[in-house]
Amino acid sequence: MLISLLYLIIGGAFLFFGADWLVKSAVFFANRLKISSFVIGLTVVAFGTSLPELVISMNAVLTDASAIAIGNIVGSNIANVGLVLGFTSLIFPMAIHFQRIKRDLYIYLFVCFVFVVFLYDGVISRVEGIALFIGIVLYTWSCIRFKREQDVESVTPIGKTGKALILFVLGIIGLYLGADLFVKGAIELASILGVSEVVIGMSVVALGTSLPELSTCFVASFRKEHAISVGNIIGSNLFNILSVIGIVGFVKPIISPQEIMTFEIPIMIAFGLILIPLGLVKQPISRIYSFLLITAYFAFIYGLFLR
């Protein structure tokens, strides 16, 4: 028990500092490359914060625990909107500009549809994995190629490219180590409950691997880099499906439990759709909406344990 709690504390510290360094370096590169903070959040930061999902899911599939891998991705995508966006905007009210996010949001919803089609037969094959990975390559290329110029929101105190690169690398390492330690501690504590792999993947593991997104968005919003926060959430969800499932599926076909098609998958899509009205209401997001997002997320977790 004490070791598990120690993992959680140390992991949380790594996550916080990793997120802080990643945000600082990301904004520096956004300024230097004349690319908007939103695009940086969609691509570079999103990839960095999705690394824990990749490592956990790969390990789960290679150890014949595919249910944890699928549960991790679906649960993380739900947590990114319900918990990460909800909690961050509750503390630091965020502005979601629909015209800015609509292209990437529609792409994400389309990717969710493709994901459902691939899951219909209960397995993500190597061919489907390759198709998903090609999707993330094309998406990343389009984001950087067309840049979608916007005003860069602020300038970081980082003065040199070398320092920014070091902080970026240390940030990703911190996020990876932090998530790994946190998930180890969380799984050990959750095993006492005796719940299934799917529930563990959807709840404890998903929460642990979503902590980098939570930490990054929290720090970014504290620094008033709202574009990075919103971009990170949508980008991470895209990377989770296209990159993580794509890479893992290519290495080894992923077996998916069919019961998630009637509960967890529809909820993941619903949490994606909710971003549309959130982007259209008066900005910044009201704390009432933020509270409702958090409540909906924990209602989902409660529903998991009732099944």
Protein backbone atom coordinates (compact mmCIF):
# COMPACT_ATOMS: atom_id res chain seq x y z
CA MET A 1 0.00 0.00 0.00
CA LEU A 2 2.75 2.47 0.96
CA ILE A 3 4.74 1.70 -2.19
CA SER A 4 1.65 2.27 -4.32
CA LEU A 5 1.04 5.65 -2.68
CA LEU A 6 4.71 6.56 -3.18
CA TYR A 7 4.36 5.73 -6.89
CA LEU A 8 1.36 8.07 -7.07
CA ILE A 9 3.15 10.96 -5.34
CA ILE A 10 6.40 10.69 -7.32
CA GLY A 11 4.48 10.12 -10.55
CA GLY A 12 2.38 13.22 -9.92
CA ALA A 13 5.51 15.33 -9.39
CA PHE A 14 7.04 14.11 -12.67
CA LEU A 15 3.78 14.89 -14.46
CA PHE A 16 3.61 18.45 -13.17
CA PHE A 17 7.19 19.42 -14.03
CA GLY A 18 7.07 17.54 -17.32
CA ALA A 19 3.94 19.43 -18.31
CA ASP A 20 5.44 22.78 -17.32
CA TRP A 21 8.58 22.21 -19.40
CA LEU A 22 6.62 20.90 -22.37
CA VAL A 23 4.32 23.93 -22.44
CA LYS A 24 7.21 26.40 -22.16
CA SER A 25 9.16 24.79 -24.99
CA ALA A 26 6.04 24.36 -27.16
CA VAL A 27 5.17 28.06 -26.99
CA PHE A 28 8.79 28.95 -27.78
CA PHE A 29 8.69 26.84 -30.96
CA ALA A 30 5.28 28.25 -31.88
CA ASN A 31 6.79 31.73 -31.80
CA ARG A 32 10.01 30.76 -33.56
CA LEU A 33 8.30 28.82 -36.38
CA LYS A 34 5.45 31.34 -36.75
CA ILE A 35 2.98 28.52 -36.17
CA SER A 36 -0.04 29.11 -33.97
CA SER A 37 -0.07 27.74 -30.44
CA PHE A 38 -3.23 25.84 -31.37
CA VAL A 39 -1.42 23.87 -34.09
CA ILE A 40 1.50 23.16 -31.73
CA GLY A 41 -1.01 21.87 -29.20
CA LEU A 42 -2.69 19.72 -31.84
CA THR A 43 0.55 18.07 -32.94
CA VAL A 44 3.74 18.31 -30.89
CA VAL A 45 2.21 18.61 -27.42
CA ALA A 46 -0.54 16.10 -28.25
CA PHE A 47 2.05 13.53 -29.34
CA GLY A 48 4.10 14.06 -26.19
CA THR A 49 1.12 13.66 -23.87
CA SER A 50 -0.07 10.56 -25.79
CA LEU A 51 3.18 8.67 -25.21
CA PRO A 52 1.92 7.07 -21.95
CA GLU A 53 -1.11 5.66 -23.81
CA LEU A 54 1.21 4.24 -26.45
CA VAL A 55 3.54 2.57 -23.94
CA ILE A 56 0.72 1.20 -21.76
CA SER A 57 -1.32 -0.06 -24.73
CA MET A 58 1.68 -1.68 -26.41
CA ASN A 59 2.62 -3.46 -23.20
CA ALA A 60 -0.98 -4.59 -22.67
CA VAL A 61 -1.31 -6.09 -26.16
CA LEU A 62 2.07 -7.83 -26.01
CA THR A 63 1.08 -9.41 -22.70
CA ASP A 64 -2.29 -10.58 -24.11
CA ALA A 65 -4.30 -7.97 -22.24
CA SER A 66 -5.87 -6.26 -25.27
CA ALA A 67 -8.94 -5.25 -23.28
CA ILE A 68 -6.75 -2.91 -21.22
CA ALA A 69 -5.33 -1.37 -24.42
CA ILE A 70 -8.74 -0.64 -25.96
CA GLY A 71 -10.15 0.45 -22.62
CA ASN A 72 -7.18 2.75 -22.09
CA ILE A 73 -7.73 4.59 -25.38
CA VAL A 74 -11.52 4.88 -25.16
CA GLY A 75 -11.37 5.82 -21.47
CA SER A 76 -8.60 8.37 -22.07
CA ASN A 77 -10.58 10.08 -24.84
CA ILE A 78 -13.57 10.36 -22.52
CA ALA A 79 -11.39 11.62 -19.66
CA ASN A 80 -9.68 14.21 -21.88
CA VAL A 81 -12.98 15.98 -22.50
CA GLY A 82 -14.95 15.23 -19.35
CA LEU A 83 -12.21 15.47 -16.74
CA VAL A 84 -9.33 17.40 -18.34
CA LEU A 85 -11.40 20.08 -20.09
CA GLY A 86 -13.97 20.16 -17.30
CA PHE A 87 -11.50 20.48 -14.44
CA THR A 88 -9.16 22.90 -16.23
CA SER A 89 -11.95 25.25 -17.33
CA LEU A 90 -13.50 25.07 -13.85
CA ILE A 91 -10.30 26.49 -12.34
CA PHE A 92 -9.22 28.70 -15.25
CA PRO A 93 -12.25 29.56 -17.48
CA MET A 94 -11.24 28.71 -21.05
CA ALA A 95 -12.40 30.09 -24.37
CA ILE A 96 -13.16 27.56 -27.10
CA HIS A 97 -13.45 29.30 -30.46
CA PHE A 98 -15.56 27.04 -32.65
CA GLN A 99 -14.31 28.48 -35.93
CA ARG A 100 -10.77 27.63 -34.82
CA ILE A 101 -11.44 24.06 -33.72
CA LYS A 102 -14.22 22.95 -36.09
CA ARG A 103 -11.95 21.45 -38.77
CA ASP A 104 -10.02 19.33 -36.29
CA LEU A 105 -13.13 18.44 -34.31
CA TYR A 106 -14.92 17.20 -37.44
CA ILE A 107 -11.82 15.17 -38.34
CA TYR A 108 -11.84 13.64 -34.86
CA LEU A 109 -15.52 12.69 -35.13
CA PHE A 110 -14.86 11.11 -38.53
CA VAL A 111 -11.93 9.17 -37.04
CA CYS A 112 -14.27 7.95 -34.28
CA PHE A 113 -16.61 6.63 -36.98
CA VAL A 114 -13.75 4.80 -38.72
CA PHE A 115 -12.63 3.40 -35.37
CA VAL A 116 -16.13 2.02 -34.73
CA VAL A 117 -16.19 0.39 -38.15
CA PHE A 118 -12.80 -1.24 -37.50
CA LEU A 119 -13.97 -2.46 -34.08
CA TYR A 120 -17.18 -3.98 -35.45
CA ASP A 121 -15.65 -7.42 -36.00
CA GLY A 122 -13.93 -7.38 -32.60
CA VAL A 123 -10.35 -6.95 -33.80
CA ILE A 124 -8.04 -4.20 -35.10
CA SER A 125 -6.01 -5.99 -37.78
CA ARG A 126 -2.53 -5.05 -38.98
CA VAL A 127 -3.99 -3.57 -42.18
CA GLU A 128 -6.38 -1.43 -40.15
CA GLY A 129 -3.51 -0.40 -37.90
CA ILE A 130 -1.50 0.75 -40.92
CA ALA A 131 -4.53 2.67 -42.25
CA LEU A 132 -4.93 4.49 -38.92
CA PHE A 133 -1.23 5.35 -38.73
CA ILE A 134 -1.26 6.74 -42.28
CA GLY A 135 -4.12 8.93 -41.10
CA ILE A 136 -2.06 10.53 -38.34
CA VAL A 137 0.85 11.12 -40.72
CA LEU A 138 -1.44 12.93 -43.18
CA TYR A 139 -3.14 14.88 -40.40
CA THR A 140 0.13 16.05 -38.85
CA TRP A 141 1.50 17.02 -42.26
CA SER A 142 -1.63 19.05 -43.07
CA CYS A 143 -1.49 20.87 -39.72
CA ILE A 144 2.12 21.94 -40.19
CA ARG A 145 1.95 22.45 -43.97
CA PHE A 146 -1.01 24.81 -43.87
CA LYS A 147 -0.18 26.21 -40.41
CA ARG A 148 -3.48 28.12 -40.12
CA GLU A 149 -1.74 31.30 -39.03
CA GLN A 150 -3.11 32.92 -35.92
CA ASP A 151 -1.73 35.35 -33.42
CA VAL A 152 0.80 33.68 -31.16
CA GLU A 153 -0.59 34.12 -27.69
CA SER A 154 2.52 34.93 -25.66
CA VAL A 155 6.27 34.74 -25.49
CA THR A 156 8.03 32.37 -23.12
CA PRO A 157 11.05 33.42 -21.07
CA ILE A 158 13.13 30.83 -22.97
CA GLY A 159 15.73 32.68 -24.99
CA LYS A 160 17.64 29.95 -26.82
CA THR A 161 16.65 27.08 -29.08
CA GLY A 162 19.02 24.69 -27.31
CA LYS A 163 17.40 25.33 -23.95
CA ALA A 164 13.95 24.89 -25.47
CA LEU A 165 14.95 21.55 -27.00
CA ILE A 166 16.31 20.34 -23.66
CA LEU A 167 13.13 21.38 -21.86
CA PHE A 168 11.00 19.71 -24.53
CA VAL A 169 12.86 16.41 -24.20
CA LEU A 170 12.87 16.57 -20.40
CA GLY A 171 9.17 17.40 -20.48
CA ILE A 172 8.29 14.31 -22.50
CA ILE A 173 10.53 12.13 -20.33
CA GLY A 174 8.90 13.57 -17.21
CA LEU A 175 5.42 12.90 -18.57
CA TYR A 176 6.34 9.35 -19.54
CA LEU A 177 7.97 8.48 -16.22
CA GLY A 178 5.24 10.20 -14.25
CA ALA A 179 2.44 8.37 -16.04
CA ASP A 180 4.26 5.04 -15.77
CA LEU A 181 4.76 5.38 -12.01
CA PHE A 182 1.25 6.67 -11.44
CA VAL A 183 -0.36 3.85 -13.41
CA LYS A 184 1.69 1.24 -11.55
CA GLY A 185 0.52 2.59 -8.23
CA ALA A 186 -3.07 3.00 -9.40
CA ILE A 187 -3.33 -0.53 -10.82
CA GLU A 188 -1.98 -2.03 -7.62
CA LEU A 189 -4.60 -0.16 -5.61
CA ALA A 190 -7.40 -0.96 -8.07
CA SER A 191 -6.59 -4.68 -8.14
CA ILE A 192 -7.98 -4.88 -4.61
CA LEU A 193 -11.42 -4.16 -6.08
CA GLY A 194 -11.24 -7.24 -8.30
CA VAL A 195 -12.74 -5.53 -11.37
CA SER A 196 -12.32 -6.64 -15.01
CA GLU A 197 -9.50 -5.58 -17.36
CA VAL A 198 -11.91 -3.44 -19.39
CA VAL A 199 -13.03 -1.51 -16.31
CA ILE A 200 -9.43 -1.10 -15.12
CA GLY A 201 -8.43 0.12 -18.58
CA MET A 202 -11.39 2.52 -18.88
CA SER A 203 -11.04 3.96 -15.39
CA VAL A 204 -7.77 3.64 -13.49
CA VAL A 205 -5.36 3.20 -16.41
CA ALA A 206 -7.19 5.78 -18.55
CA LEU A 207 -7.15 8.27 -15.71
CA GLY A 208 -3.44 7.68 -15.14
CA THR A 209 -2.50 8.06 -18.80
CA SER A 210 -4.70 11.17 -19.08
CA LEU A 211 -2.79 12.90 -16.29
CA PRO A 212 -0.20 14.30 -18.75
CA GLU A 213 -3.06 15.96 -20.66
CA LEU A 214 -4.55 17.21 -17.40
CA SER A 215 -1.20 18.51 -16.17
CA THR A 216 -0.34 20.11 -19.51
CA CYS A 217 -3.75 21.76 -19.95
CA PHE A 218 -3.75 22.97 -16.35
CA VAL A 219 -0.30 24.54 -16.67
CA ALA A 220 -1.08 25.93 -20.14
CA SER A 221 -4.31 27.52 -18.91
CA PHE A 222 -2.50 28.93 -15.88
CA ARG A 223 -0.11 30.56 -18.34
CA LYS A 224 -3.17 31.69 -20.36
CA GLU A 225 -2.18 29.51 -23.33
CA HIS A 226 -5.76 28.40 -23.94
CA ALA A 227 -5.08 27.46 -27.56
CA ILE A 228 -2.53 24.87 -26.43
CA SER A 229 -5.03 23.47 -23.93
CA VAL A 230 -7.84 23.01 -26.44
CA GLY A 231 -5.49 21.84 -29.18
CA ASN A 232 -3.92 19.33 -26.81
CA ILE A 233 -7.29 17.79 -25.92
CA ILE A 234 -8.48 17.34 -29.52
CA GLY A 235 -5.01 16.43 -30.76
CA SER A 236 -4.46 13.86 -28.01
CA ASN A 237 -7.76 12.16 -28.81
CA LEU A 238 -6.78 11.98 -32.47
CA PHE A 239 -3.32 10.66 -31.65
CA ASN A 240 -4.78 8.08 -29.26
CA ILE A 241 -6.84 6.47 -32.01
CA LEU A 242 -4.72 7.06 -35.10
CA SER A 243 -1.22 6.80 -33.68
CA VAL A 244 -1.52 4.58 -30.60
CA ILE A 245 -4.09 2.11 -31.94
CA GLY A 246 -2.42 2.32 -35.36
CA ILE A 247 1.08 1.47 -34.13
CA VAL A 248 -0.05 -1.15 -31.62
CA GLY A 249 -2.43 -2.76 -34.12
CA PHE A 250 0.35 -3.00 -36.69
CA VAL A 251 2.69 -4.70 -34.21
CA LYS A 252 0.01 -7.14 -33.06
CA PRO A 253 -3.73 -7.35 -33.85
CA ILE A 254 -5.81 -5.95 -30.99
CA ILE A 255 -8.72 -8.04 -29.72
CA SER A 256 -11.59 -5.83 -28.56
CA PRO A 257 -14.42 -6.87 -26.21
CA GLN A 258 -17.72 -6.42 -28.05
CA GLU A 259 -19.64 -5.17 -25.01
CA ILE A 260 -17.94 -1.77 -25.25
CA MET A 261 -19.85 -1.08 -28.49
CA THR A 262 -23.10 -0.52 -26.58
CA PHE A 263 -21.89 1.69 -23.71
CA GLU A 264 -18.32 3.00 -23.74
CA ILE A 265 -17.97 3.76 -27.47
CA PRO A 266 -21.24 5.76 -27.71
CA ILE A 267 -20.18 7.77 -24.64
CA MET A 268 -16.77 8.50 -26.21
CA ILE A 269 -18.54 9.85 -29.31
CA ALA A 270 -20.99 11.83 -27.17
CA PHE A 271 -18.13 13.53 -25.34
CA GLY A 272 -16.66 14.48 -28.72
CA LEU A 273 -19.97 15.88 -29.95
CA ILE A 274 -20.42 17.98 -26.80
CA LEU A 275 -17.46 20.12 -27.92
CA ILE A 276 -19.65 21.56 -30.70
CA PRO A 277 -22.19 23.35 -28.45
CA LEU A 278 -19.39 24.22 -25.99
CA GLY A 279 -17.64 26.05 -28.82
CA LEU A 280 -20.82 27.92 -29.80
CA VAL A 281 -21.93 29.19 -26.38
CA LYS A 282 -20.77 32.46 -24.86
CA GLN A 283 -17.04 32.37 -24.11
CA PRO A 284 -15.19 31.68 -21.90
CA ILE A 285 -16.91 28.44 -20.90
CA SER A 286 -19.17 28.91 -17.91
CA ARG A 287 -18.09 27.12 -14.75
CA ILE A 288 -21.55 25.53 -14.72
CA TYR A 289 -20.76 23.75 -18.00
CA SER A 290 -17.37 22.76 -16.62
CA PHE A 291 -19.00 21.28 -13.53
CA LEU A 292 -21.50 19.38 -15.71
CA LEU A 293 -18.63 17.91 -17.75
CA ILE A 294 -16.91 16.65 -14.60
CA THR A 295 -20.19 15.28 -13.25
CA ALA A 296 -20.86 13.45 -16.53
CA TYR A 297 -17.39 11.93 -16.43
CA PHE A 298 -17.76 10.57 -12.91
CA ALA A 299 -21.25 9.33 -13.78
CA PHE A 300 -19.59 7.35 -16.57
CA ILE A 301 -17.04 5.89 -14.13
CA TYR A 302 -19.84 5.01 -11.73
CA GLY A 303 -21.70 3.31 -14.58
CA LEU A 304 -18.59 1.25 -15.40
CA PHE A 305 -18.43 -0.25 -11.94
CA LEU A 306 -22.16 -1.01 -11.98
CA ARG A 307 -21.91 -3.14 -15.13
